[in-house]
Amino acid sequence: MVALTPKRYRDIAPEPPAALPPAQSQITSEGSRAEQGAPPDRSPTHLSQAKKLLKSVCNVFGLFRQYHATHFPAHDPDENISPDDLIEISSNVRPNPDYHLYPNESSFLLGEWYWNDGDKKSQSSFQHLLKIVRHPDFHPGDVAGTNW
């Protein structure tokens, strides 16, 4: 018998909005809107060039692409963007891969104690904390500069 992880503990991998140009069945339009500042001409030529609010379908996270245009672009504007391009990391603080998002071992150990030793701290949890802060490799100055 296979045990399934409850939904709240499942990690869903991120996915981008739907690819462009979308299939004809995926196109939705929210009313026609003439270009700003354009004269209220109602000739057939003008109406065929009226811009619309075009939306692609939503992905599992509710993300979609939206354009104020007469048609969707023929290419995907995000095709050359990698996930690293979307992450902002200060040039002063580069996380150590061994400690994930923590800048140093002291901060990592305190964070690990806080998050993984239970939400109600016990006597044994306090003893674990004392082991961390008494360890010769623990440096209080490292913790003071941590952006918690």
N, C-alpha and C. Protein backbone atom coordinates (compact mmCIF):
# COMPACT_ATOMS: atom_id res chain seq x y z
N MET A 1 0.84 -1.18 0.00
CA MET A 1 0.00 0.00 0.00
C MET A 1 0.89 1.24 0.00
N VAL A 2 0.60 2.19 -0.85
CA VAL A 2 1.39 3.40 -0.98
C VAL A 2 0.74 4.50 -0.14
N ALA A 3 1.53 5.12 0.73
CA ALA A 3 1.02 6.22 1.55
C ALA A 3 1.17 7.52 0.77
N LEU A 4 0.07 8.24 0.63
CA LEU A 4 0.10 9.52 -0.07
C LEU A 4 0.33 10.66 0.91
N THR A 5 1.14 11.59 0.51
CA THR A 5 1.39 12.77 1.32
C THR A 5 0.17 13.68 1.23
N PRO A 6 -0.29 14.24 2.37
CA PRO A 6 -1.43 15.17 2.31
C PRO A 6 -1.12 16.34 1.39
N LYS A 7 -2.15 16.88 0.74
CA LYS A 7 -1.97 17.97 -0.23
C LYS A 7 -1.19 19.13 0.35
N ARG A 8 -1.44 19.48 1.61
CA ARG A 8 -0.80 20.66 2.19
C ARG A 8 0.72 20.50 2.31
N TYR A 9 1.23 19.27 2.22
CA TYR A 9 2.67 19.05 2.31
C TYR A 9 3.32 18.80 0.95
N ARG A 10 2.53 18.76 -0.09
CA ARG A 10 3.09 18.52 -1.41
C ARG A 10 3.69 19.80 -1.96
N ASP A 11 4.81 19.67 -2.59
CA ASP A 11 5.49 20.82 -3.17
C ASP A 11 5.20 20.85 -4.66
N ILE A 12 4.56 21.92 -5.10
CA ILE A 12 4.23 22.05 -6.52
C ILE A 12 5.32 22.85 -7.18
N ALA A 13 5.92 22.29 -8.20
CA ALA A 13 6.99 22.99 -8.92
C ALA A 13 6.39 24.19 -9.64
N PRO A 14 7.12 25.31 -9.65
CA PRO A 14 6.60 26.48 -10.35
C PRO A 14 6.49 26.22 -11.84
N GLU A 15 5.54 26.88 -12.44
CA GLU A 15 5.40 26.77 -13.89
C GLU A 15 5.08 28.15 -14.44
N PRO A 16 5.58 28.44 -15.62
CA PRO A 16 5.34 29.76 -16.21
C PRO A 16 3.91 29.86 -16.72
N PRO A 17 3.47 31.08 -17.06
CA PRO A 17 2.17 31.21 -17.71
C PRO A 17 2.16 30.43 -19.02
N ALA A 18 0.99 30.24 -19.59
CA ALA A 18 0.86 29.48 -20.82
C ALA A 18 1.74 30.07 -21.92
N ALA A 19 2.25 29.20 -22.78
CA ALA A 19 3.14 29.64 -23.85
C ALA A 19 2.40 30.52 -24.85
N LEU A 20 3.17 31.34 -25.54
CA LEU A 20 2.61 32.22 -26.56
C LEU A 20 3.11 31.80 -27.92
N PRO A 21 2.38 32.06 -28.94
CA PRO A 21 1.00 32.53 -28.95
C PRO A 21 0.08 31.39 -28.52
N PRO A 22 -1.01 31.71 -27.82
CA PRO A 22 -1.91 30.65 -27.34
C PRO A 22 -2.74 30.07 -28.47
N ALA A 23 -3.26 28.88 -28.22
CA ALA A 23 -4.16 28.26 -29.18
C ALA A 23 -5.43 29.10 -29.25
N GLN A 24 -6.13 29.06 -30.35
CA GLN A 24 -7.33 29.89 -30.54
C GLN A 24 -8.35 29.63 -29.43
N SER A 25 -8.43 28.39 -28.93
CA SER A 25 -9.41 28.07 -27.89
C SER A 25 -9.04 28.66 -26.54
N GLN A 26 -7.80 29.13 -26.37
CA GLN A 26 -7.35 29.67 -25.09
C GLN A 26 -7.50 31.19 -25.01
N ILE A 27 -7.92 31.83 -26.07
CA ILE A 27 -7.97 33.29 -26.11
C ILE A 27 -9.28 33.78 -25.52
N THR A 28 -9.16 34.72 -24.58
CA THR A 28 -10.34 35.41 -24.06
C THR A 28 -10.15 36.89 -24.29
N SER A 29 -11.23 37.59 -24.47
CA SER A 29 -11.17 39.03 -24.74
C SER A 29 -12.10 39.72 -23.78
N GLU A 30 -11.65 40.81 -23.22
CA GLU A 30 -12.49 41.59 -22.31
C GLU A 30 -12.82 42.93 -22.95
N GLY A 31 -13.71 42.90 -23.92
CA GLY A 31 -14.19 44.13 -24.53
C GLY A 31 -13.18 44.78 -25.44
N SER A 32 -13.65 45.50 -26.41
CA SER A 32 -12.78 46.24 -27.30
C SER A 32 -12.55 47.61 -26.73
N ARG A 33 -11.33 48.07 -26.84
CA ARG A 33 -11.00 49.41 -26.37
C ARG A 33 -10.21 50.10 -27.46
N ALA A 34 -10.65 51.25 -27.86
CA ALA A 34 -9.92 52.01 -28.88
C ALA A 34 -8.66 52.57 -28.27
N GLU A 35 -7.66 52.86 -29.10
CA GLU A 35 -6.43 53.46 -28.61
C GLU A 35 -6.72 54.78 -27.93
N GLN A 36 -5.99 55.06 -26.87
CA GLN A 36 -6.18 56.32 -26.17
C GLN A 36 -5.83 57.47 -27.09
N GLY A 37 -6.68 58.48 -27.10
CA GLY A 37 -6.44 59.64 -27.92
C GLY A 37 -6.90 59.47 -29.35
N ALA A 38 -7.38 58.31 -29.72
CA ALA A 38 -7.84 58.09 -31.08
C ALA A 38 -9.23 58.70 -31.23
N PRO A 39 -9.55 59.22 -32.39
CA PRO A 39 -10.88 59.80 -32.58
C PRO A 39 -11.93 58.71 -32.54
N PRO A 40 -13.13 59.04 -32.11
CA PRO A 40 -14.20 58.03 -32.00
C PRO A 40 -14.76 57.66 -33.35
N ASP A 41 -13.92 57.28 -34.28
CA ASP A 41 -14.33 56.88 -35.62
C ASP A 41 -14.93 55.48 -35.54
N ARG A 42 -16.05 55.26 -36.19
CA ARG A 42 -16.72 53.96 -36.14
C ARG A 42 -16.69 53.27 -37.50
N SER A 43 -15.76 53.64 -38.33
CA SER A 43 -15.68 53.01 -39.65
C SER A 43 -15.20 51.57 -39.49
N PRO A 44 -15.56 50.68 -40.41
CA PRO A 44 -15.14 49.27 -40.31
C PRO A 44 -13.63 49.11 -40.24
N THR A 45 -12.87 49.96 -40.94
CA THR A 45 -11.41 49.87 -40.90
C THR A 45 -10.90 50.13 -39.50
N HIS A 46 -11.45 51.17 -38.85
CA HIS A 46 -11.01 51.53 -37.51
C HIS A 46 -11.38 50.45 -36.49
N LEU A 47 -12.57 49.89 -36.62
CA LEU A 47 -13.00 48.87 -35.66
C LEU A 47 -12.17 47.61 -35.77
N SER A 48 -11.70 47.27 -36.98
CA SER A 48 -10.89 46.06 -37.12
C SER A 48 -9.52 46.22 -36.48
N GLN A 49 -9.07 47.49 -36.26
CA GLN A 49 -7.77 47.73 -35.64
C GLN A 49 -7.91 48.12 -34.17
N ALA A 50 -9.11 48.05 -33.61
CA ALA A 50 -9.31 48.42 -32.20
C ALA A 50 -8.59 47.42 -31.31
N LYS A 51 -7.91 47.96 -30.32
CA LYS A 51 -7.18 47.09 -29.39
C LYS A 51 -8.15 46.48 -28.39
N LYS A 52 -7.83 45.28 -27.96
CA LYS A 52 -8.63 44.55 -26.98
C LYS A 52 -7.72 44.19 -25.81
N LEU A 53 -8.33 43.84 -24.71
CA LEU A 53 -7.58 43.31 -23.58
C LEU A 53 -7.57 41.80 -23.75
N LEU A 54 -6.44 41.25 -24.15
CA LEU A 54 -6.31 39.82 -24.43
C LEU A 54 -5.66 39.12 -23.24
N LYS A 55 -6.25 38.01 -22.82
CA LYS A 55 -5.70 37.23 -21.71
C LYS A 55 -5.51 35.79 -22.14
N SER A 56 -4.39 35.20 -21.73
CA SER A 56 -4.18 33.77 -21.97
C SER A 56 -4.87 33.00 -20.84
N VAL A 57 -4.88 31.69 -20.93
CA VAL A 57 -5.47 30.87 -19.87
C VAL A 57 -4.58 30.93 -18.62
N CYS A 58 -5.16 30.66 -17.48
CA CYS A 58 -4.42 30.65 -16.21
C CYS A 58 -3.70 29.32 -16.03
N ASN A 59 -2.52 29.38 -15.38
CA ASN A 59 -1.85 28.14 -15.01
C ASN A 59 -2.34 27.74 -13.61
N VAL A 60 -1.77 26.70 -13.01
CA VAL A 60 -2.26 26.22 -11.71
C VAL A 60 -2.09 27.24 -10.59
N PHE A 61 -1.23 28.24 -10.79
CA PHE A 61 -1.02 29.28 -9.79
C PHE A 61 -1.87 30.52 -10.07
N GLY A 62 -2.68 30.48 -11.10
CA GLY A 62 -3.51 31.62 -11.44
C GLY A 62 -2.80 32.68 -12.26
N LEU A 63 -1.60 32.37 -12.76
CA LEU A 63 -0.85 33.33 -13.58
C LEU A 63 -1.34 33.27 -15.02
N PHE A 64 -1.42 34.42 -15.64
CA PHE A 64 -1.80 34.49 -17.04
C PHE A 64 -1.06 35.66 -17.67
N ARG A 65 -1.08 35.71 -18.98
CA ARG A 65 -0.48 36.81 -19.71
C ARG A 65 -1.61 37.71 -20.19
N GLN A 66 -1.36 39.01 -20.16
CA GLN A 66 -2.39 39.96 -20.57
C GLN A 66 -1.75 41.02 -21.48
N TYR A 67 -2.42 41.31 -22.58
CA TYR A 67 -1.92 42.29 -23.54
C TYR A 67 -3.05 43.22 -23.96
N HIS A 68 -2.73 44.47 -24.13
CA HIS A 68 -3.65 45.45 -24.69
C HIS A 68 -3.21 45.60 -26.14
N ALA A 69 -3.81 44.79 -27.03
CA ALA A 69 -3.35 44.72 -28.41
C ALA A 69 -4.46 44.19 -29.30
N THR A 70 -4.20 44.18 -30.58
CA THR A 70 -5.16 43.62 -31.52
C THR A 70 -5.01 42.11 -31.63
N HIS A 71 -3.82 41.59 -31.31
CA HIS A 71 -3.58 40.15 -31.35
C HIS A 71 -2.41 39.81 -30.42
N PHE A 72 -2.30 38.54 -30.08
CA PHE A 72 -1.19 38.10 -29.23
C PHE A 72 0.12 38.20 -30.01
N PRO A 73 1.25 38.39 -29.31
CA PRO A 73 2.54 38.41 -30.02
C PRO A 73 2.83 37.04 -30.64
N ALA A 74 3.60 37.06 -31.69
CA ALA A 74 3.93 35.82 -32.41
C ALA A 74 5.03 35.03 -31.70
N HIS A 75 5.68 35.62 -30.70
CA HIS A 75 6.75 34.92 -29.98
C HIS A 75 6.50 35.10 -28.47
N ASP A 76 7.18 34.31 -27.69
CA ASP A 76 7.07 34.39 -26.23
C ASP A 76 8.11 35.38 -25.72
N PRO A 77 7.70 36.52 -25.15
CA PRO A 77 8.68 37.51 -24.68
C PRO A 77 9.55 37.01 -23.54
N ASP A 78 9.14 35.95 -22.86
CA ASP A 78 9.92 35.43 -21.73
C ASP A 78 10.74 34.20 -22.09
N GLU A 79 10.84 33.86 -23.37
CA GLU A 79 11.49 32.62 -23.74
C GLU A 79 12.97 32.57 -23.37
N ASN A 80 13.63 33.70 -23.24
CA ASN A 80 15.07 33.72 -22.91
C ASN A 80 15.33 34.07 -21.44
N ILE A 81 14.31 34.04 -20.61
CA ILE A 81 14.47 34.36 -19.19
C ILE A 81 14.59 33.06 -18.40
N SER A 82 15.61 33.00 -17.56
CA SER A 82 15.79 31.81 -16.71
C SER A 82 15.31 32.15 -15.29
N PRO A 83 15.06 31.16 -14.45
CA PRO A 83 14.66 31.44 -13.07
C PRO A 83 15.66 32.31 -12.32
N ASP A 84 16.96 32.20 -12.66
CA ASP A 84 17.97 33.03 -12.00
C ASP A 84 17.77 34.51 -12.31
N ASP A 85 17.20 34.82 -13.48
CA ASP A 85 16.94 36.21 -13.83
C ASP A 85 15.84 36.83 -12.97
N LEU A 86 15.02 36.00 -12.34
CA LEU A 86 13.89 36.48 -11.56
C LEU A 86 14.19 36.58 -10.07
N ILE A 87 15.38 36.16 -9.66
CA ILE A 87 15.74 36.16 -8.25
C ILE A 87 16.62 37.35 -7.95
N GLU A 88 16.22 38.15 -6.97
CA GLU A 88 17.03 39.30 -6.57
C GLU A 88 17.81 38.95 -5.32
N ILE A 89 19.12 38.91 -5.43
CA ILE A 89 19.98 38.65 -4.29
C ILE A 89 20.97 39.80 -4.21
N SER A 90 21.07 40.38 -3.03
CA SER A 90 22.00 41.47 -2.83
C SER A 90 23.42 41.00 -3.15
N SER A 91 24.20 41.86 -3.77
CA SER A 91 25.57 41.47 -4.11
C SER A 91 26.43 41.33 -2.86
N ASN A 92 25.99 41.93 -1.74
CA ASN A 92 26.74 41.84 -0.48
C ASN A 92 26.53 40.50 0.21
N VAL A 93 25.36 39.90 0.04
CA VAL A 93 25.03 38.67 0.75
C VAL A 93 24.80 37.56 -0.27
N ARG A 94 25.71 36.63 -0.30
CA ARG A 94 25.56 35.45 -1.14
C ARG A 94 25.40 34.26 -0.21
N PRO A 95 24.26 33.57 -0.26
CA PRO A 95 24.07 32.43 0.64
C PRO A 95 25.07 31.33 0.36
N ASN A 96 25.54 30.73 1.43
CA ASN A 96 26.44 29.60 1.33
C ASN A 96 25.58 28.39 0.98
N PRO A 97 25.89 27.66 -0.08
CA PRO A 97 25.04 26.54 -0.46
C PRO A 97 24.90 25.48 0.63
N ASP A 98 25.89 25.39 1.52
CA ASP A 98 25.79 24.41 2.61
C ASP A 98 24.74 24.81 3.64
N TYR A 99 24.43 26.11 3.74
CA TYR A 99 23.49 26.59 4.75
C TYR A 99 22.25 27.18 4.11
N HIS A 100 22.04 26.92 2.84
CA HIS A 100 20.86 27.36 2.09
C HIS A 100 20.69 28.87 2.18
N LEU A 101 19.61 29.35 2.76
CA LEU A 101 19.35 30.79 2.81
C LEU A 101 20.04 31.50 3.97
N TYR A 102 20.67 30.74 4.85
CA TYR A 102 21.36 31.35 5.98
C TYR A 102 22.79 31.72 5.57
N PRO A 103 23.27 32.87 6.03
CA PRO A 103 24.60 33.32 5.59
C PRO A 103 25.77 32.58 6.22
N ASN A 104 25.55 31.90 7.35
CA ASN A 104 26.65 31.23 8.03
C ASN A 104 26.13 30.10 8.90
N GLU A 105 27.05 29.33 9.45
CA GLU A 105 26.67 28.15 10.23
C GLU A 105 25.93 28.52 11.51
N SER A 106 26.36 29.57 12.19
CA SER A 106 25.71 29.95 13.45
C SER A 106 24.24 30.29 13.22
N SER A 107 23.97 31.08 12.19
CA SER A 107 22.58 31.43 11.87
C SER A 107 21.79 30.20 11.45
N PHE A 108 22.42 29.33 10.68
CA PHE A 108 21.75 28.12 10.24
C PHE A 108 21.34 27.25 11.43
N LEU A 109 22.26 27.06 12.38
CA LEU A 109 21.96 26.20 13.52
C LEU A 109 20.85 26.78 14.40
N LEU A 110 20.86 28.11 14.60
CA LEU A 110 19.77 28.72 15.38
C LEU A 110 18.45 28.61 14.64
N GLY A 111 18.46 28.86 13.34
CA GLY A 111 17.24 28.73 12.55
C GLY A 111 16.71 27.31 12.55
N GLU A 112 17.60 26.36 12.41
CA GLU A 112 17.21 24.95 12.42
C GLU A 112 16.61 24.58 13.78
N TRP A 113 17.21 25.08 14.86
CA TRP A 113 16.66 24.82 16.19
C TRP A 113 15.27 25.43 16.32
N TYR A 114 15.11 26.66 15.89
CA TYR A 114 13.82 27.35 16.03
C TYR A 114 12.71 26.65 15.26
N TRP A 115 12.99 26.31 14.01
CA TRP A 115 11.93 25.76 13.16
C TRP A 115 11.71 24.27 13.35
N ASN A 116 12.73 23.51 13.75
CA ASN A 116 12.59 22.06 13.78
C ASN A 116 12.54 21.44 15.16
N ASP A 117 12.69 22.23 16.21
CA ASP A 117 12.62 21.65 17.55
C ASP A 117 11.22 21.74 18.15
N GLY A 118 10.22 21.87 17.35
CA GLY A 118 8.84 21.91 17.82
C GLY A 118 8.40 23.34 18.12
N ASP A 119 7.08 23.56 18.06
CA ASP A 119 6.57 24.90 18.29
C ASP A 119 6.46 25.24 19.78
N LYS A 120 6.45 24.24 20.65
CA LYS A 120 6.49 24.48 22.10
C LYS A 120 7.85 24.00 22.59
N LYS A 121 8.63 24.94 23.05
CA LYS A 121 9.99 24.60 23.47
C LYS A 121 9.96 23.90 24.83
N SER A 122 10.73 22.83 24.92
CA SER A 122 10.78 22.01 26.13
C SER A 122 12.14 22.16 26.79
N GLN A 123 12.30 21.47 27.92
CA GLN A 123 13.58 21.47 28.62
C GLN A 123 14.67 20.88 27.73
N SER A 124 14.34 19.82 27.01
CA SER A 124 15.36 19.20 26.14
C SER A 124 15.67 20.13 24.95
N SER A 125 14.68 20.85 24.49
CA SER A 125 14.90 21.81 23.41
C SER A 125 15.82 22.93 23.89
N PHE A 126 15.63 23.37 25.12
CA PHE A 126 16.49 24.40 25.71
C PHE A 126 17.93 23.89 25.82
N GLN A 127 18.08 22.63 26.21
CA GLN A 127 19.41 22.03 26.30
C GLN A 127 20.07 21.97 24.91
N HIS A 128 19.27 21.69 23.90
CA HIS A 128 19.78 21.69 22.52
C HIS A 128 20.26 23.09 22.14
N LEU A 129 19.50 24.12 22.52
CA LEU A 129 19.89 25.50 22.24
C LEU A 129 21.21 25.83 22.95
N LEU A 130 21.34 25.41 24.20
CA LEU A 130 22.58 25.68 24.93
C LEU A 130 23.78 25.01 24.27
N LYS A 131 23.59 23.80 23.73
CA LYS A 131 24.68 23.13 23.01
C LYS A 131 25.11 23.96 21.80
N ILE A 132 24.14 24.56 21.13
CA ILE A 132 24.45 25.38 19.94
C ILE A 132 25.26 26.60 20.34
N VAL A 133 24.79 27.36 21.34
CA VAL A 133 25.46 28.62 21.67
C VAL A 133 26.77 28.41 22.43
N ARG A 134 26.96 27.25 23.05
CA ARG A 134 28.21 26.97 23.75
C ARG A 134 29.28 26.35 22.85
N HIS A 135 28.88 25.95 21.65
CA HIS A 135 29.82 25.29 20.75
C HIS A 135 30.93 26.27 20.36
N PRO A 136 32.17 25.81 20.27
CA PRO A 136 33.28 26.73 19.95
C PRO A 136 33.18 27.37 18.57
N ASP A 137 32.46 26.74 17.65
CA ASP A 137 32.30 27.32 16.31
C ASP A 137 31.16 28.32 16.22
N PHE A 138 30.38 28.47 17.31
CA PHE A 138 29.28 29.43 17.30
C PHE A 138 29.83 30.84 17.54
N HIS A 139 29.41 31.79 16.69
CA HIS A 139 29.88 33.17 16.79
C HIS A 139 28.67 34.10 16.89
N PRO A 140 28.43 34.70 18.07
CA PRO A 140 27.27 35.59 18.23
C PRO A 140 27.24 36.73 17.21
N GLY A 141 28.40 37.23 16.80
CA GLY A 141 28.43 38.31 15.81
C GLY A 141 27.84 37.89 14.48
N ASP A 142 27.98 36.61 14.12
CA ASP A 142 27.38 36.11 12.88
C ASP A 142 25.86 36.16 12.92
N VAL A 143 25.31 35.90 14.09
CA VAL A 143 23.86 35.87 14.26
C VAL A 143 23.29 37.29 14.29
N ALA A 144 24.06 38.21 14.87
CA ALA A 144 23.57 39.59 15.00
C ALA A 144 23.31 40.23 13.63
N GLY A 145 24.06 39.85 12.62
CA GLY A 145 23.88 40.45 11.30
C GLY A 145 22.94 39.69 10.41
N THR A 146 22.30 38.64 10.90
CA THR A 146 21.41 37.82 10.08
C THR A 146 20.06 38.53 9.88
N ASN A 147 19.60 38.58 8.63
CA ASN A 147 18.29 39.16 8.32
C ASN A 147 17.24 38.06 8.49
N TRP A 148 16.69 37.95 9.68
CA TRP A 148 15.74 36.90 9.99
C TRP A 148 14.44 37.15 9.27
